[in-house]
Amino acid sequence: MCTSPEIQKRAQAEIDSVVGHDRLPEFKDRDNLPYIEALLSEVFRWMTVTPLGGIPHASVNDDEYEGYFIPGGATVFPNIWLALFHSHSIQYMLTLI
């Protein structure tokens, strides 16, 4: 937003036209704020809120990944940022589905 003030102005104009100046936006306003929806989708695509996935997982059994031993029951944090921005990771993840 700092590097693209015109985008911020357009977003603010949409909020002002739909919501006005007397209240905050509510979920019921979402259908009437398509630019804001697209802007937020792009922001979250560009940089995730929680790069390590936010929700810890646990390995069920002992495992090995790229030479690293992961004991059963270990807490594992998925690296969402890596999956989103490295094509080789995306290809690997598709093999897991």
N, C-alpha and C. Protein backbone atom coordinates (compact mmCIF):
# COMPACT_ATOMS: atom_id res chain seq x y z
N MET A 1 0.83 -1.19 0.00
CA MET A 1 0.00 0.00 0.00
C MET A 1 0.87 1.25 0.00
N CYS A 2 2.02 1.16 0.65
CA CYS A 2 2.91 2.31 0.70
C CYS A 2 3.50 2.62 -0.67
N THR A 3 3.75 1.58 -1.45
CA THR A 3 4.36 1.79 -2.76
C THR A 3 3.33 2.06 -3.85
N SER A 4 2.05 1.86 -3.55
CA SER A 4 0.99 2.07 -4.53
C SER A 4 -0.16 2.86 -3.91
N PRO A 5 0.05 4.14 -3.65
CA PRO A 5 -1.00 4.92 -2.99
C PRO A 5 -2.29 5.00 -3.79
N GLU A 6 -2.22 4.85 -5.11
CA GLU A 6 -3.44 4.90 -5.91
C GLU A 6 -4.35 3.71 -5.62
N ILE A 7 -3.76 2.58 -5.29
CA ILE A 7 -4.55 1.41 -4.92
C ILE A 7 -5.22 1.64 -3.58
N GLN A 8 -4.51 2.22 -2.64
CA GLN A 8 -5.08 2.53 -1.34
C GLN A 8 -6.24 3.53 -1.49
N LYS A 9 -6.07 4.52 -2.35
CA LYS A 9 -7.14 5.52 -2.55
C LYS A 9 -8.37 4.88 -3.17
N ARG A 10 -8.16 3.98 -4.14
CA ARG A 10 -9.30 3.31 -4.77
C ARG A 10 -10.02 2.43 -3.76
N ALA A 11 -9.27 1.72 -2.92
CA ALA A 11 -9.87 0.87 -1.90
C ALA A 11 -10.66 1.70 -0.90
N GLN A 12 -10.08 2.81 -0.47
CA GLN A 12 -10.77 3.67 0.49
C GLN A 12 -12.03 4.26 -0.12
N ALA A 13 -11.96 4.62 -1.40
CA ALA A 13 -13.14 5.17 -2.08
C ALA A 13 -14.27 4.14 -2.13
N GLU A 14 -13.93 2.87 -2.38
CA GLU A 14 -14.96 1.84 -2.41
C GLU A 14 -15.59 1.66 -1.03
N ILE A 15 -14.77 1.63 0.00
CA ILE A 15 -15.30 1.51 1.36
C ILE A 15 -16.19 2.69 1.69
N ASP A 16 -15.73 3.89 1.38
CA ASP A 16 -16.52 5.09 1.67
C ASP A 16 -17.87 5.08 0.94
N SER A 17 -17.86 4.61 -0.32
CA SER A 17 -19.11 4.62 -1.08
C SER A 17 -20.10 3.57 -0.60
N VAL A 18 -19.61 2.45 -0.09
CA VAL A 18 -20.50 1.38 0.36
C VAL A 18 -20.86 1.53 1.83
N VAL A 19 -19.87 1.84 2.66
CA VAL A 19 -20.06 1.86 4.11
C VAL A 19 -20.40 3.25 4.62
N GLY A 20 -19.83 4.27 3.99
CA GLY A 20 -20.01 5.63 4.49
C GLY A 20 -18.97 5.95 5.54
N HIS A 21 -19.25 7.00 6.31
CA HIS A 21 -18.29 7.46 7.31
C HIS A 21 -18.79 7.29 8.74
N ASP A 22 -19.98 6.70 8.89
CA ASP A 22 -20.60 6.62 10.21
C ASP A 22 -20.44 5.27 10.90
N ARG A 23 -19.87 4.28 10.19
CA ARG A 23 -19.72 2.96 10.79
C ARG A 23 -18.53 2.24 10.17
N LEU A 24 -18.16 1.12 10.78
CA LEU A 24 -17.10 0.27 10.24
C LEU A 24 -17.70 -0.75 9.27
N PRO A 25 -16.91 -1.27 8.35
CA PRO A 25 -17.42 -2.32 7.45
C PRO A 25 -17.83 -3.56 8.25
N GLU A 26 -18.85 -4.25 7.75
CA GLU A 26 -19.32 -5.48 8.37
C GLU A 26 -19.31 -6.59 7.34
N PHE A 27 -19.43 -7.83 7.79
CA PHE A 27 -19.42 -8.95 6.86
C PHE A 27 -20.54 -8.85 5.82
N LYS A 28 -21.64 -8.26 6.19
CA LYS A 28 -22.74 -8.13 5.23
C LYS A 28 -22.38 -7.21 4.07
N ASP A 29 -21.31 -6.42 4.20
CA ASP A 29 -20.88 -5.51 3.14
C ASP A 29 -19.99 -6.19 2.10
N ARG A 30 -19.52 -7.39 2.36
CA ARG A 30 -18.52 -8.04 1.50
C ARG A 30 -18.95 -8.14 0.04
N ASP A 31 -20.20 -8.50 -0.20
CA ASP A 31 -20.66 -8.64 -1.59
C ASP A 31 -20.62 -7.32 -2.35
N ASN A 32 -20.64 -6.22 -1.64
CA ASN A 32 -20.63 -4.90 -2.27
C ASN A 32 -19.24 -4.28 -2.31
N LEU A 33 -18.23 -5.03 -1.91
CA LEU A 33 -16.86 -4.53 -1.88
C LEU A 33 -15.93 -5.43 -2.71
N PRO A 34 -16.20 -5.57 -4.02
CA PRO A 34 -15.39 -6.50 -4.82
C PRO A 34 -13.92 -6.10 -4.94
N TYR A 35 -13.63 -4.81 -4.98
CA TYR A 35 -12.23 -4.38 -5.08
C TYR A 35 -11.47 -4.73 -3.80
N ILE A 36 -12.10 -4.52 -2.66
CA ILE A 36 -11.49 -4.86 -1.38
C ILE A 36 -11.26 -6.37 -1.30
N GLU A 37 -12.25 -7.16 -1.72
CA GLU A 37 -12.10 -8.61 -1.72
C GLU A 37 -10.91 -9.04 -2.57
N ALA A 38 -10.80 -8.48 -3.77
CA ALA A 38 -9.70 -8.82 -4.67
C ALA A 38 -8.36 -8.36 -4.08
N LEU A 39 -8.35 -7.18 -3.50
CA LEU A 39 -7.14 -6.64 -2.90
C LEU A 39 -6.65 -7.53 -1.76
N LEU A 40 -7.56 -7.94 -0.89
CA LEU A 40 -7.18 -8.81 0.22
C LEU A 40 -6.71 -10.18 -0.27
N SER A 41 -7.36 -10.71 -1.28
CA SER A 41 -6.92 -11.98 -1.85
C SER A 41 -5.50 -11.88 -2.38
N GLU A 42 -5.19 -10.79 -3.06
CA GLU A 42 -3.85 -10.60 -3.60
C GLU A 42 -2.82 -10.40 -2.49
N VAL A 43 -3.17 -9.66 -1.48
CA VAL A 43 -2.25 -9.45 -0.35
C VAL A 43 -1.94 -10.78 0.33
N PHE A 44 -2.97 -11.60 0.58
CA PHE A 44 -2.74 -12.89 1.23
C PHE A 44 -2.01 -13.87 0.32
N ARG A 45 -2.21 -13.74 -1.00
CA ARG A 45 -1.46 -14.59 -1.94
C ARG A 45 0.01 -14.19 -1.94
N TRP A 46 0.24 -12.90 -1.92
CA TRP A 46 1.60 -12.36 -2.00
C TRP A 46 2.41 -12.69 -0.76
N MET A 47 1.79 -12.56 0.40
CA MET A 47 2.50 -12.87 1.65
C MET A 47 1.49 -13.42 2.65
N THR A 48 1.66 -14.66 3.03
CA THR A 48 0.72 -15.29 3.95
C THR A 48 0.78 -14.63 5.33
N VAL A 49 -0.29 -14.73 6.05
CA VAL A 49 -0.35 -14.16 7.39
C VAL A 49 0.55 -14.94 8.33
N THR A 50 0.53 -16.25 8.20
CA THR A 50 1.37 -17.10 9.04
C THR A 50 2.24 -17.97 8.13
N PRO A 51 3.47 -17.56 7.89
CA PRO A 51 4.31 -18.31 6.95
C PRO A 51 4.54 -19.76 7.34
N LEU A 52 4.40 -20.10 8.60
CA LEU A 52 4.62 -21.48 9.01
C LEU A 52 3.32 -22.24 9.20
N GLY A 53 2.27 -21.80 8.55
CA GLY A 53 1.04 -22.57 8.53
C GLY A 53 0.07 -22.33 9.66
N GLY A 54 0.54 -21.75 10.75
CA GLY A 54 -0.35 -21.39 11.83
C GLY A 54 -0.80 -22.54 12.71
N ILE A 55 -1.13 -23.70 12.13
CA ILE A 55 -1.63 -24.81 12.92
C ILE A 55 -0.57 -25.90 12.96
N PRO A 56 -0.03 -26.19 14.13
CA PRO A 56 0.97 -27.26 14.22
C PRO A 56 0.34 -28.62 13.91
N HIS A 57 1.12 -29.48 13.31
CA HIS A 57 0.71 -30.85 13.03
C HIS A 57 1.62 -31.78 13.83
N ALA A 58 1.28 -33.05 13.86
CA ALA A 58 2.13 -34.04 14.54
C ALA A 58 2.33 -35.23 13.62
N SER A 59 3.56 -35.72 13.58
CA SER A 59 3.82 -36.93 12.79
C SER A 59 3.27 -38.13 13.56
N VAL A 60 2.66 -39.04 12.85
CA VAL A 60 2.07 -40.22 13.48
C VAL A 60 3.15 -41.27 13.76
N ASN A 61 4.04 -41.44 12.80
CA ASN A 61 5.10 -42.44 12.90
C ASN A 61 6.45 -41.78 12.68
N ASP A 62 7.51 -42.50 13.00
CA ASP A 62 8.84 -42.03 12.64
C ASP A 62 8.88 -41.86 11.12
N ASP A 63 9.56 -40.83 10.67
CA ASP A 63 9.65 -40.58 9.23
C ASP A 63 10.99 -39.93 8.93
N GLU A 64 11.34 -39.90 7.67
CA GLU A 64 12.54 -39.21 7.23
C GLU A 64 12.17 -38.37 6.02
N TYR A 65 12.62 -37.13 6.03
CA TYR A 65 12.35 -36.23 4.91
C TYR A 65 13.64 -35.53 4.53
N GLU A 66 14.09 -35.74 3.32
CA GLU A 66 15.31 -35.14 2.78
C GLU A 66 16.47 -35.25 3.77
N GLY A 67 16.62 -36.44 4.34
CA GLY A 67 17.74 -36.70 5.24
C GLY A 67 17.49 -36.32 6.69
N TYR A 68 16.36 -35.72 6.99
CA TYR A 68 16.05 -35.33 8.37
C TYR A 68 15.14 -36.37 9.01
N PHE A 69 15.52 -36.84 10.18
CA PHE A 69 14.70 -37.79 10.92
C PHE A 69 13.64 -37.04 11.70
N ILE A 70 12.38 -37.48 11.56
CA ILE A 70 11.25 -36.88 12.27
C ILE A 70 10.64 -37.98 13.13
N PRO A 71 10.82 -37.91 14.45
CA PRO A 71 10.28 -38.97 15.31
C PRO A 71 8.75 -38.92 15.38
N GLY A 72 8.14 -40.07 15.54
CA GLY A 72 6.69 -40.13 15.71
C GLY A 72 6.26 -39.27 16.89
N GLY A 73 5.17 -38.53 16.71
CA GLY A 73 4.67 -37.65 17.77
C GLY A 73 5.30 -36.27 17.78
N ALA A 74 6.30 -36.05 16.91
CA ALA A 74 6.95 -34.73 16.87
C ALA A 74 6.00 -33.68 16.31
N THR A 75 6.08 -32.48 16.83
CA THR A 75 5.30 -31.37 16.32
C THR A 75 5.96 -30.84 15.05
N VAL A 76 5.16 -30.67 14.01
CA VAL A 76 5.67 -30.23 12.71
C VAL A 76 4.88 -28.99 12.28
N PHE A 77 5.62 -27.96 11.87
CA PHE A 77 4.99 -26.75 11.35
C PHE A 77 5.19 -26.69 9.85
N PRO A 78 4.12 -26.78 9.06
CA PRO A 78 4.29 -26.71 7.61
C PRO A 78 4.70 -25.30 7.18
N ASN A 79 5.60 -25.23 6.21
CA ASN A 79 6.08 -23.94 5.71
C ASN A 79 5.23 -23.54 4.51
N ILE A 80 4.14 -22.83 4.76
CA ILE A 80 3.21 -22.43 3.71
C ILE A 80 3.87 -21.51 2.70
N TRP A 81 4.71 -20.61 3.18
CA TRP A 81 5.37 -19.66 2.29
C TRP A 81 6.19 -20.39 1.25
N LEU A 82 6.94 -21.38 1.67
CA LEU A 82 7.76 -22.15 0.74
C LEU A 82 6.88 -22.83 -0.30
N ALA A 83 5.79 -23.41 0.13
CA ALA A 83 4.89 -24.10 -0.79
C ALA A 83 4.29 -23.15 -1.81
N LEU A 84 4.01 -21.93 -1.41
CA LEU A 84 3.39 -20.97 -2.32
C LEU A 84 4.36 -20.36 -3.32
N PHE A 85 5.63 -20.25 -2.95
CA PHE A 85 6.55 -19.48 -3.78
C PHE A 85 7.69 -20.26 -4.41
N HIS A 86 7.72 -21.56 -4.26
CA HIS A 86 8.77 -22.36 -4.89
C HIS A 86 8.11 -23.46 -5.71
N SER A 87 8.24 -23.36 -7.02
CA SER A 87 7.52 -24.28 -7.91
C SER A 87 7.87 -25.74 -7.65
N HIS A 88 9.13 -26.05 -7.29
CA HIS A 88 9.46 -27.45 -7.03
C HIS A 88 8.70 -27.97 -5.81
N SER A 89 8.42 -27.10 -4.85
CA SER A 89 7.64 -27.50 -3.68
C SER A 89 6.20 -27.77 -4.07
N ILE A 90 5.67 -26.96 -4.97
CA ILE A 90 4.30 -27.15 -5.41
C ILE A 90 4.17 -28.48 -6.13
N GLN A 91 5.14 -28.78 -7.00
CA GLN A 91 5.10 -30.06 -7.71
C GLN A 91 5.16 -31.23 -6.72
N TYR A 92 6.01 -31.12 -5.70
CA TYR A 92 6.09 -32.18 -4.69
C TYR A 92 4.77 -32.31 -3.94
N MET A 93 4.20 -31.19 -3.55
CA MET A 93 2.95 -31.24 -2.78
C MET A 93 1.83 -31.88 -3.60
N LEU A 94 1.83 -31.65 -4.90
CA LEU A 94 0.80 -32.25 -5.75
C LEU A 94 0.90 -33.77 -5.77
N THR A 95 2.10 -34.31 -5.55
CA THR A 95 2.26 -35.76 -5.52
C THR A 95 1.66 -36.35 -4.24
N LEU A 96 1.46 -35.52 -3.22
CA LEU A 96 0.92 -36.01 -1.95
C LEU A 96 -0.60 -36.09 -1.96
N ILE A 97 -1.21 -35.43 -2.91
CA ILE A 97 -2.68 -35.37 -2.93
C ILE A 97 -3.26 -36.65 -3.53
